[in-house]
Amino acid sequence: MKLYADTSFLVSFYLRGDANYPRACELASTFPASAGLPLTPFGWVEMKNTLARLRHHRRLTKNETAGIVAIIKADLDGGFLRSAPLRAYEWLAAARDLSRDITERTGTRTLDVLHLALAKTEAVTHFVSFNENQRRAALAAGFKVLPASLG
């Protein structure tokens, strides 16, 4: 099983106050310790932007944000996450193809197509997400989706 986790999962996993935090931790405990979830520069930007937005809305302090970033870096060092290159041409070609193949049926947003395209370029089998629309799109793109259900 080769995994890709989108930002809806990663934010829930790293943000203790998130409603899905317990569920994310429970699910992550089923992954191998060295799961090697790919984190590309795109993923880093989206994570850091989400944390900055939470700071903007006063839901996180500067110290809390720094603590989360430190944990992410430790997970990169420990193998739970792995730094993955962003092969831009391959990524955007996969996004173009996914958009053509699934967006009309699923209504997928561009950022969600970009995550699916990263998963395609990483040749993963399982897509991890708490976003219902993203999960539908991932199924349409041929991935197995985790968790099995959101209910």
Foldseek 3Di string as FASTA:
>chain_A
DQEEEAPQLVCLCLPVPDPCNVVSVVVLVPAPLQNAHEQEPVNVVVNVVVVVVCVVVVVDDPVSSVVSVVVVVVSCVRRSHDYDYCPPVQLVVQLVVLCVQPCVPQVDDSVLSSSLSVCVVVVGAEYEHPDPSSQVSNVSVRHHYPPNDND
